[in-house]
PDB file of all heavy atoms in Angstrom:
ATOM      1  N   SER A   1      25.525 -40.035-150.833  1.00  0.00           N
ATOM      2  CA  SER A   1      24.283 -39.198-150.708  1.00  0.00           C
ATOM      3  C   SER A   1      23.055 -40.042-150.666  1.00  0.00           C
ATOM      4  O   SER A   1      22.104 -39.653-149.938  1.00  0.00           O
ATOM      5  CB  SER A   1      24.266 -38.192-151.789  1.00  0.00           C
ATOM      6  OG  SER A   1      24.079 -38.823-152.999  1.00  0.00           O
ATOM      7  N   LYS A   2      23.043 -41.148-151.400  1.00  0.00           N
ATOM      8  CA  LYS A   2      21.860 -42.028-151.377  1.00  0.00           C
ATOM      9  C   LYS A   2      21.956 -43.195-150.352  1.00  0.00           C
ATOM     10  O   LYS A   2      20.987 -43.813-150.016  1.00  0.00           O
ATOM     11  CB  LYS A   2      21.525 -42.540-152.725  1.00  0.00           C
ATOM     12  CG  LYS A   2      21.135 -41.415-153.689  1.00  0.00           C
ATOM     13  CD  LYS A   2      20.666 -41.949-154.984  1.00  0.00           C
ATOM     14  CE  LYS A   2      20.227 -40.791-155.873  1.00  0.00           C
ATOM     15  NZ  LYS A   2      19.799 -41.231-157.154  1.00  0.00           N
ATOM     16  N   GLY A   3      23.159 -43.463-149.906  1.00  0.00           N
ATOM     17  CA  GLY A   3      23.367 -44.457-148.850  1.00  0.00           C
ATOM     18  C   GLY A   3      23.347 -45.910-149.303  1.00  0.00           C
ATOM     19  O   GLY A   3      22.941 -46.756-148.525  1.00  0.00           O
ATOM     20  N   TYR A   4      23.795 -46.189-150.518  1.00  0.00           N
ATOM     21  CA  TYR A   4      23.898 -47.557-150.886  1.00  0.00           C
ATOM     22  C   TYR A   4      25.096 -47.760-151.821  1.00  0.00           C
ATOM     23  O   TYR A   4      25.713 -46.803-152.272  1.00  0.00           O
ATOM     24  CB  TYR A   4      22.645 -47.980-151.637  1.00  0.00           C
ATOM     25  CG  TYR A   4      22.493 -47.429-153.029  1.00  0.00           C
ATOM     26  CD1 TYR A   4      22.954 -48.131-154.114  1.00  0.00           C
ATOM     27  CD2 TYR A   4      21.910 -46.187-153.288  1.00  0.00           C
ATOM     28  CE1 TYR A   4      22.842 -47.594-155.393  1.00  0.00           C
ATOM     29  CE2 TYR A   4      21.756 -45.651-154.508  1.00  0.00           C
ATOM     30  CZ  TYR A   4      22.227 -46.368-155.619  1.00  0.00           C
ATOM     31  OH  TYR A   4      22.106 -45.834-156.868  1.00  0.00           O
ATOM     32  N   GLY A   5      25.415 -49.010-152.096  1.00  0.00           N
ATOM     33  CA  GLY A   5      26.577 -49.252-152.995  1.00  0.00           C
ATOM     34  C   GLY A   5      26.540 -50.763-153.418  1.00  0.00           C
ATOM     35  O   GLY A   5      25.652 -51.479-153.062  1.00  0.00           O
ATOM     36  N   PHE A   6      27.685 -51.121-154.027  1.00  0.00           N
ATOM     37  CA  PHE A   6      27.842 -52.541-154.422  1.00  0.00           C
ATOM     38  C   PHE A   6      29.253 -53.053-154.107  1.00  0.00           C
ATOM     39  O   PHE A   6      30.208 -52.248-154.233  1.00  0.00           O
ATOM     40  CB  PHE A   6      27.588 -52.679-155.972  1.00  0.00           C
ATOM     41  CG  PHE A   6      26.206 -52.431-156.355  1.00  0.00           C
ATOM     42  CD1 PHE A   6      25.773 -51.173-156.732  1.00  0.00           C
ATOM     43  CD2 PHE A   6      25.236 -53.428-156.298  1.00  0.00           C
ATOM     44  CE1 PHE A   6      24.438 -50.941-157.084  1.00  0.00           C
ATOM     45  CE2 PHE A   6      23.916 -53.242-156.610  1.00  0.00           C
ATOM     46  CZ  PHE A   6      23.530 -51.925-157.081  1.00  0.00           C
ATOM     47  N   ILE A   7      29.284 -54.306-153.743  1.00  0.00           N
ATOM     48  CA  ILE A   7      30.587 -54.943-153.410  1.00  0.00           C
ATOM     49  C   ILE A   7      30.781 -55.986-154.514  1.00  0.00           C
ATOM     50  O   ILE A   7      29.889 -56.797-154.766  1.00  0.00           O
ATOM     51  CB  ILE A   7      30.566 -55.592-152.038  1.00  0.00           C
ATOM     52  CG1 ILE A   7      30.366 -54.537-150.960  1.00  0.00           C
ATOM     53  CG2 ILE A   7      31.874 -56.370-151.826  1.00  0.00           C
ATOM     54  CD1 ILE A   7      30.167 -55.074-149.595  1.00  0.00           C
ATOM     55  N   ARG A   8      31.957 -56.022-155.109  1.00  0.00           N
ATOM     56  CA  ARG A   8      32.325 -57.101-156.074  1.00  0.00           C
ATOM     57  C   ARG A   8      32.957 -58.212-155.342  1.00  0.00           C
ATOM     58  O   ARG A   8      33.996 -58.124-154.688  1.00  0.00           O
ATOM     59  CB  ARG A   8      33.326 -56.562-157.097  1.00  0.00           C
ATOM     60  CG  ARG A   8      33.981 -57.491-158.006  1.00  0.00           C
ATOM     61  CD  ARG A   8      33.156 -57.932-159.191  1.00  0.00           C
ATOM     62  NE  ARG A   8      32.578 -56.817-159.876  1.00  0.00           N
ATOM     63  CZ  ARG A   8      32.512 -56.662-161.141  1.00  0.00           C
ATOM     64  NH1 ARG A   8      32.922 -57.634-161.925  1.00  0.00           N
ATOM     65  NH2 ARG A   8      31.940 -55.606-161.672  1.00  0.00           N
ATOM     66  N   ASP A   9      32.197 -59.353-155.276  1.00  0.00           N
ATOM     67  CA  ASP A   9      32.618 -60.507-154.523  1.00  0.00           C
ATOM     68  C   ASP A   9      33.896 -61.057-155.141  1.00  0.00           C
ATOM     69  O   ASP A   9      33.929 -61.236-156.419  1.00  0.00           O
ATOM     70  CB  ASP A   9      31.476 -61.597-154.560  1.00  0.00           C
ATOM     71  CG  ASP A   9      31.796 -62.747-153.609  1.00  0.00           C
ATOM     72  OD1 ASP A   9      32.874 -63.318-153.732  1.00  0.00           O
ATOM     73  OD2 ASP A   9      30.929 -63.078-152.849  1.00  0.00           O
ATOM     74  N   ALA A  10      34.851 -61.383-154.374  1.00  0.00           N
ATOM     75  CA  ALA A  10      36.185 -61.846-154.869  1.00  0.00           C
ATOM     76  C   ALA A  10      36.064 -63.249-155.538  1.00  0.00           C
ATOM     77  O   ALA A  10      36.778 -63.502-156.530  1.00  0.00           O
ATOM     78  CB  ALA A  10      37.217 -61.939-153.729  1.00  0.00           C
ATOM     79  N   LYS A  11      35.220 -64.114-155.032  1.00  0.00           N
ATOM     80  CA  LYS A  11      35.101 -65.530-155.552  1.00  0.00           C
ATOM     81  C   LYS A  11      34.224 -65.511-156.839  1.00  0.00           C
ATOM     82  O   LYS A  11      34.608 -66.011-157.854  1.00  0.00           O
ATOM     83  CB  LYS A  11      34.543 -66.450-154.571  1.00  0.00           C
ATOM     84  CG  LYS A  11      35.510 -67.010-153.593  1.00  0.00           C
ATOM     85  CD  LYS A  11      34.869 -68.078-152.777  1.00  0.00           C
ATOM     86  CE  LYS A  11      35.833 -68.598-151.751  1.00  0.00           C
ATOM     87  NZ  LYS A  11      35.155 -69.537-150.816  1.00  0.00           N
ATOM     88  N   THR A  12      33.013 -65.002-156.721  1.00  0.00           N
ATOM     89  CA  THR A  12      32.053 -65.191-157.806  1.00  0.00           C
ATOM     90  C   THR A  12      32.143 -64.004-158.811  1.00  0.00           C
ATOM     91  O   THR A  12      31.524 -64.125-159.860  1.00  0.00           O
ATOM     92  CB  THR A  12      30.573 -65.216-157.212  1.00  0.00           C
ATOM     93  OG1 THR A  12      30.348 -63.960-156.551  1.00  0.00           O
ATOM     94  CG2 THR A  12      30.411 -66.342-156.218  1.00  0.00           C
ATOM     95  N   ARG A  13      32.752 -62.911-158.461  1.00  0.00           N
ATOM     96  CA  ARG A  13      32.840 -61.718-159.323  1.00  0.00           C
ATOM     97  C   ARG A  13      31.526 -61.066-159.549  1.00  0.00           C
ATOM     98  O   ARG A  13      31.341 -60.243-160.398  1.00  0.00           O
ATOM     99  CB  ARG A  13      33.538 -62.010-160.659  1.00  0.00           C
ATOM    100  CG  ARG A  13      34.819 -62.779-160.606  1.00  0.00           C
ATOM    101  CD  ARG A  13      35.873 -62.096-159.751  1.00  0.00           C
ATOM    102  NE  ARG A  13      36.325 -60.883-160.351  1.00  0.00           N
ATOM    103  CZ  ARG A  13      36.993 -59.930-159.659  1.00  0.00           C
ATOM    104  NH1 ARG A  13      37.334 -60.177-158.436  1.00  0.00           N
ATOM    105  NH2 ARG A  13      37.408 -58.833-160.260  1.00  0.00           N
ATOM    106  N   ASN A  14      30.446 -61.395-158.768  1.00  0.00           N
ATOM    107  CA  ASN A  14      29.125 -60.818-158.826  1.00  0.00           C
ATOM    108  C   ASN A  14      29.122 -59.588-157.921  1.00  0.00           C
ATOM    109  O   ASN A  14      29.777 -59.489-156.926  1.00  0.00           O
ATOM    110  CB  ASN A  14      28.082 -61.784-158.328  1.00  0.00           C
ATOM    111  CG  ASN A  14      27.856 -62.893-159.265  1.00  0.00           C
ATOM    112  OD1 ASN A  14      28.112 -62.855-160.418  1.00  0.00           O
ATOM    113  ND2 ASN A  14      27.403 -64.067-158.741  1.00  0.00           N
ATOM    114  N   ASN A  15      28.273 -58.608-158.344  1.00  0.00           N
ATOM    115  CA  ASN A  15      28.032 -57.430-157.474  1.00  0.00           C
ATOM    116  C   ASN A  15      26.979 -57.776-156.441  1.00  0.00           C
ATOM    117  O   ASN A  15      25.904 -58.304-156.778  1.00  0.00           O
ATOM    118  CB  ASN A  15      27.625 -56.292-158.305  1.00  0.00           C
ATOM    119  CG  ASN A  15      28.802 -55.648-159.071  1.00  0.00           C
ATOM    120  OD1 ASN A  15      29.914 -55.667-158.577  1.00  0.00           O
ATOM    121  ND2 ASN A  15      28.549 -55.145-160.241  1.00  0.00           N
ATOM    122  N   VAL A  16      27.219 -57.338-155.227  1.00  0.00           N
ATOM    123  CA  VAL A  16      26.279 -57.592-154.107  1.00  0.00           C
ATOM    124  C   VAL A  16      25.889 -56.233-153.570  1.00  0.00           C
ATOM    125  O   VAL A  16      26.742 -55.443-153.226  1.00  0.00           O
ATOM    126  CB  VAL A  16      26.902 -58.451-153.001  1.00  0.00           C
ATOM    127  CG1 VAL A  16      25.881 -58.663-151.880  1.00  0.00           C
ATOM    128  CG2 VAL A  16      27.376 -59.779-153.617  1.00  0.00           C
ATOM    129  N   PHE A  17      24.592 -55.923-153.497  1.00  0.00           N
ATOM    130  CA  PHE A  17      24.060 -54.691-152.969  1.00  0.00           C
ATOM    131  C   PHE A  17      24.347 -54.530-151.469  1.00  0.00           C
ATOM    132  O   PHE A  17      24.219 -55.564-150.747  1.00  0.00           O
ATOM    133  CB  PHE A  17      22.565 -54.635-153.264  1.00  0.00           C
ATOM    134  CG  PHE A  17      21.899 -53.429-152.681  1.00  0.00           C
ATOM    135  CD1 PHE A  17      21.906 -52.208-153.360  1.00  0.00           C
ATOM    136  CD2 PHE A  17      21.247 -53.471-151.480  1.00  0.00           C
ATOM    137  CE1 PHE A  17      21.258 -51.097-152.798  1.00  0.00           C
ATOM    138  CE2 PHE A  17      20.587 -52.413-150.943  1.00  0.00           C
ATOM    139  CZ  PHE A  17      20.611 -51.213-151.569  1.00  0.00           C
ATOM    140  N   PHE A  18      24.590 -53.322-151.026  1.00  0.00           N
ATOM    141  CA  PHE A  18      24.636 -53.071-149.616  1.00  0.00           C
ATOM    142  C   PHE A  18      24.041 -51.660-149.329  1.00  0.00           C
ATOM    143  O   PHE A  18      24.015 -50.793-150.174  1.00  0.00           O
ATOM    144  CB  PHE A  18      26.053 -53.181-149.043  1.00  0.00           C
ATOM    145  CG  PHE A  18      26.959 -52.064-149.364  1.00  0.00           C
ATOM    146  CD1 PHE A  18      27.076 -50.930-148.551  1.00  0.00           C
ATOM    147  CD2 PHE A  18      27.729 -52.164-150.530  1.00  0.00           C
ATOM    148  CE1 PHE A  18      27.920 -49.943-148.877  1.00  0.00           C
ATOM    149  CE2 PHE A  18      28.640 -51.111-150.849  1.00  0.00           C
ATOM    150  CZ  PHE A  18      28.698 -49.949-149.979  1.00  0.00           C
ATOM    151  N   HIS A  19      23.546 -51.596-148.093  1.00  0.00           N
ATOM    152  CA  HIS A  19      22.949 -50.313-147.630  1.00  0.00           C
ATOM    153  C   HIS A  19      23.923 -49.752-146.558  1.00  0.00           C
ATOM    154  O   HIS A  19      24.598 -50.520-145.844  1.00  0.00           O
ATOM    155  CB  HIS A  19      21.576 -50.449-147.074  1.00  0.00           C
ATOM    156  CG  HIS A  19      20.886 -49.144-146.736  1.00  0.00           C
ATOM    157  ND1 HIS A  19      20.947 -48.530-145.560  1.00  0.00           N
ATOM    158  CD2 HIS A  19      20.135 -48.412-147.567  1.00  0.00           C
ATOM    159  CE1 HIS A  19      20.308 -47.412-145.613  1.00  0.00           C
ATOM    160  NE2 HIS A  19      19.745 -47.290-146.822  1.00  0.00           N
ATOM    161  N   VAL A  20      23.996 -48.466-146.422  1.00  0.00           N
ATOM    162  CA  VAL A  20      24.913 -47.824-145.501  1.00  0.00           C
ATOM    163  C   VAL A  20      24.664 -48.287-144.024  1.00  0.00           C
ATOM    164  O   VAL A  20      25.548 -48.300-143.208  1.00  0.00           O
ATOM    165  CB  VAL A  20      24.844 -46.285-145.586  1.00  0.00           C
ATOM    166  CG1 VAL A  20      23.503 -45.736-145.077  1.00  0.00           C
ATOM    167  CG2 VAL A  20      25.980 -45.629-144.857  1.00  0.00           C
ATOM    168  N   ASN A  21      23.435 -48.701-143.675  1.00  0.00           N
ATOM    169  CA  ASN A  21      23.184 -49.179-142.336  1.00  0.00           C
ATOM    170  C   ASN A  21      23.858 -50.489-142.029  1.00  0.00           C
ATOM    171  O   ASN A  21      24.002 -50.871-140.872  1.00  0.00           O
ATOM    172  CB  ASN A  21      21.658 -49.413-142.158  1.00  0.00           C
ATOM    173  CG  ASN A  21      20.916 -48.084-142.176  1.00  0.00           C
ATOM    174  OD1 ASN A  21      21.468 -47.036-142.035  1.00  0.00           O
ATOM    175  ND2 ASN A  21      19.635 -48.160-142.399  1.00  0.00           N
ATOM    176  N   ASN A  22      24.348 -51.265-143.069  1.00  0.00           N
ATOM    177  CA  ASN A  22      25.111 -52.471-142.799  1.00  0.00           C
ATOM    178  C   ASN A  22      26.575 -52.325-142.767  1.00  0.00           C
ATOM    179  O   ASN A  22      27.271 -53.297-142.644  1.00  0.00           O
ATOM    180  CB  ASN A  22      24.707 -53.500-143.932  1.00  0.00           C
ATOM    181  CG  ASN A  22      23.263 -53.890-143.862  1.00  0.00           C
ATOM    182  OD1 ASN A  22      22.743 -54.145-142.839  1.00  0.00           O
ATOM    183  ND2 ASN A  22      22.595 -53.867-144.980  1.00  0.00           N
ATOM    184  N   LEU A  23      27.051 -51.087-142.810  1.00  0.00           N
ATOM    185  CA  LEU A  23      28.499 -50.818-142.696  1.00  0.00           C
ATOM    186  C   LEU A  23      28.859 -50.681-141.195  1.00  0.00           C
ATOM    187  O   LEU A  23      28.104 -50.124-140.452  1.00  0.00           O
ATOM    188  CB  LEU A  23      28.877 -49.549-143.407  1.00  0.00           C
ATOM    189  CG  LEU A  23      28.785 -49.593-144.939  1.00  0.00           C
ATOM    190  CD1 LEU A  23      28.950 -48.139-145.479  1.00  0.00           C
ATOM    191  CD2 LEU A  23      29.847 -50.466-145.483  1.00  0.00           C
ATOM    192  N   THR A  24      30.060 -51.183-140.836  1.00  0.00           N
ATOM    193  CA  THR A  24      30.553 -50.990-139.501  1.00  0.00           C
ATOM    194  C   THR A  24      31.667 -49.945-139.436  1.00  0.00           C
ATOM    195  O   THR A  24      32.324 -49.770-138.396  1.00  0.00           O
ATOM    196  CB  THR A  24      31.050 -52.354-138.953  1.00  0.00           C
ATOM    197  OG1 THR A  24      32.174 -52.784-139.829  1.00  0.00           O
ATOM    198  CG2 THR A  24      30.038 -53.369-138.897  1.00  0.00           C
ATOM    199  N   TYR A  25      31.922 -49.187-140.546  1.00  0.00           N
ATOM    200  CA  TYR A  25      32.956 -48.195-140.596  1.00  0.00           C
ATOM    201  C   TYR A  25      32.587 -47.227-141.662  1.00  0.00           C
ATOM    202  O   TYR A  25      31.624 -47.386-142.440  1.00  0.00           O
ATOM    203  CB  TYR A  25      34.276 -48.820-140.797  1.00  0.00           C
ATOM    204  CG  TYR A  25      34.486 -49.294-142.240  1.00  0.00           C
ATOM    205  CD1 TYR A  25      35.271 -48.470-143.166  1.00  0.00           C
ATOM    206  CD2 TYR A  25      33.927 -50.468-142.718  1.00  0.00           C
ATOM    207  CE1 TYR A  25      35.417 -48.922-144.421  1.00  0.00           C
ATOM    208  CE2 TYR A  25      34.089 -50.827-144.066  1.00  0.00           C
ATOM    209  CZ  TYR A  25      34.838 -50.100-144.858  1.00  0.00           C
ATOM    210  OH  TYR A  25      35.017 -50.453-146.195  1.00  0.00           O
ATOM    211  N   GLN A  26      33.380 -46.176-141.805  1.00  0.00           N
ATOM    212  CA  GLN A  26      33.221 -45.109-142.841  1.00  0.00           C
ATOM    213  C   GLN A  26      33.765 -45.586-144.141  1.00  0.00           C
ATOM    214  O   GLN A  26      35.001 -45.647-144.300  1.00  0.00           O
ATOM    215  CB  GLN A  26      33.912 -43.795-142.412  1.00  0.00           C
ATOM    216  CG  GLN A  26      33.449 -42.560-143.132  1.00  0.00           C
ATOM    217  CD  GLN A  26      32.093 -42.088-142.659  1.00  0.00           C
ATOM    218  OE1 GLN A  26      31.569 -42.610-141.652  1.00  0.00           O
ATOM    219  NE2 GLN A  26      31.559 -41.199-143.404  1.00  0.00           N
ATOM    220  N   ALA A  27      32.970 -46.063-145.066  1.00  0.00           N
ATOM    221  CA  ALA A  27      33.422 -46.765-146.271  1.00  0.00           C
ATOM    222  C   ALA A  27      33.753 -45.776-147.423  1.00  0.00           C
ATOM    223  O   ALA A  27      33.205 -44.691-147.448  1.00  0.00           O
ATOM    224  CB  ALA A  27      32.326 -47.755-146.719  1.00  0.00           C
ATOM    225  N   GLN A  28      34.574 -46.290-148.335  1.00  0.00           N
ATOM    226  CA  GLN A  28      34.912 -45.584-149.527  1.00  0.00           C
ATOM    227  C   GLN A  28      35.034 -46.590-150.648  1.00  0.00           C
ATOM    228  O   GLN A  28      35.202 -47.823-150.420  1.00  0.00           O
ATOM    229  CB  GLN A  28      36.273 -44.823-149.479  1.00  0.00           C
ATOM    230  CG  GLN A  28      36.270 -43.708-148.390  1.00  0.00           C
ATOM    231  CD  GLN A  28      37.670 -43.084-148.326  1.00  0.00           C
ATOM    232  OE1 GLN A  28      38.574 -43.470-149.039  1.00  0.00           O
ATOM    233  NE2 GLN A  28      37.802 -42.149-147.424  1.00  0.00           N
ATOM    234  N   GLU A  29      34.918 -46.165-151.877  1.00  0.00           N
ATOM    235  CA  GLU A  29      35.123 -47.029-152.995  1.00  0.00           C
ATOM    236  C   GLU A  29      36.566 -47.624-152.987  1.00  0.00           C
ATOM    237  O   GLU A  29      37.510 -46.986-152.506  1.00  0.00           O
ATOM    238  CB  GLU A  29      34.916 -46.333-154.346  1.00  0.00           C
ATOM    239  CG  GLU A  29      33.422 -46.052-154.603  1.00  0.00           C
ATOM    240  CD  GLU A  29      33.165 -45.483-156.008  1.00  0.00           C
ATOM    241  OE1 GLU A  29      34.086 -45.427-156.870  1.00  0.00           O
ATOM    242  OE2 GLU A  29      32.034 -45.038-156.190  1.00  0.00           O
ATOM    243  N   ASN A  30      36.700 -48.812-153.491  1.00  0.00           N
ATOM    244  CA  ASN A  30      37.934 -49.587-153.553  1.00  0.00           C
ATOM    245  C   ASN A  30      38.426 -50.082-152.265  1.00  0.00           C
ATOM    246  O   ASN A  30      39.558 -50.628-152.145  1.00  0.00           O
ATOM    247  CB  ASN A  30      39.058 -48.759-154.316  1.00  0.00           C
ATOM    248  CG  ASN A  30      38.656 -48.480-155.707  1.00  0.00           C
ATOM    249  OD1 ASN A  30      38.132 -49.298-156.374  1.00  0.00           O
ATOM    250  ND2 ASN A  30      38.962 -47.214-156.106  1.00  0.00           N
ATOM    251  N   ASP A  31      37.605 -50.009-151.152  1.00  0.00           N
ATOM    252  CA  ASP A  31      37.979 -50.614-149.887  1.00  0.00           C
ATOM    253  C   ASP A  31      37.849 -52.114-150.023  1.00  0.00           C
ATOM    254  O   ASP A  31      36.884 -52.630-150.586  1.00  0.00           O
ATOM    255  CB  ASP A  31      37.055 -50.142-148.779  1.00  0.00           C
ATOM    256  CG  ASP A  31      37.450 -48.727-148.274  1.00  0.00           C
ATOM    257  OD1 ASP A  31      38.494 -48.216-148.711  1.00  0.00           O
ATOM    258  OD2 ASP A  31      36.645 -48.206-147.455  1.00  0.00           O
ATOM    259  N   GLN A  32      38.809 -52.845-149.456  1.00  0.00           N
ATOM    260  CA  GLN A  32      38.679 -54.365-149.352  1.00  0.00           C
ATOM    261  C   GLN A  32      37.921 -54.614-148.132  1.00  0.00           C
ATOM    262  O   GLN A  32      38.239 -54.201-147.037  1.00  0.00           O
ATOM    263  CB  GLN A  32      40.025 -54.965-149.401  1.00  0.00           C
ATOM    264  CG  GLN A  32      40.755 -54.837-150.696  1.00  0.00           C
ATOM    265  CD  GLN A  32      41.951 -55.718-150.783  1.00  0.00           C
ATOM    266  OE1 GLN A  32      42.305 -56.452-149.907  1.00  0.00           O
ATOM    267  NE2 GLN A  32      42.556 -55.766-151.966  1.00  0.00           N
ATOM    268  N   VAL A  33      36.850 -55.468-148.244  1.00  0.00           N
ATOM    269  CA  VAL A  33      35.943 -55.685-147.117  1.00  0.00           C
ATOM    270  C   VAL A  33      35.684 -57.234-146.972  1.00  0.00           C
ATOM    271  O   VAL A  33      35.856 -57.962-147.944  1.00  0.00           O
ATOM    272  CB  VAL A  33      34.646 -54.936-147.316  1.00  0.00           C
ATOM    273  CG1 VAL A  33      34.829 -53.426-147.235  1.00  0.00           C
ATOM    274  CG2 VAL A  33      33.952 -55.316-148.593  1.00  0.00           C
ATOM    275  N   SER A  34      35.231 -57.548-145.804  1.00  0.00           N
ATOM    276  CA  SER A  34      34.616 -58.870-145.495  1.00  0.00           C
ATOM    277  C   SER A  34      33.124 -58.631-145.223  1.00  0.00           C
ATOM    278  O   SER A  34      32.773 -57.618-144.564  1.00  0.00           O
ATOM    279  CB  SER A  34      35.267 -59.498-144.289  1.00  0.00           C
ATOM    280  OG  SER A  34      36.564 -59.838-144.534  1.00  0.00           O
TER     281      SER A  34
END
């Protein structure tokens, strides 16, 4: 609803912010992404 989220980086284990405009597909939680 707000159009943002966080990705847990596999190497650093840090959370990285993302905005819905930077997605190339319909995302959901627990999706594995590059």
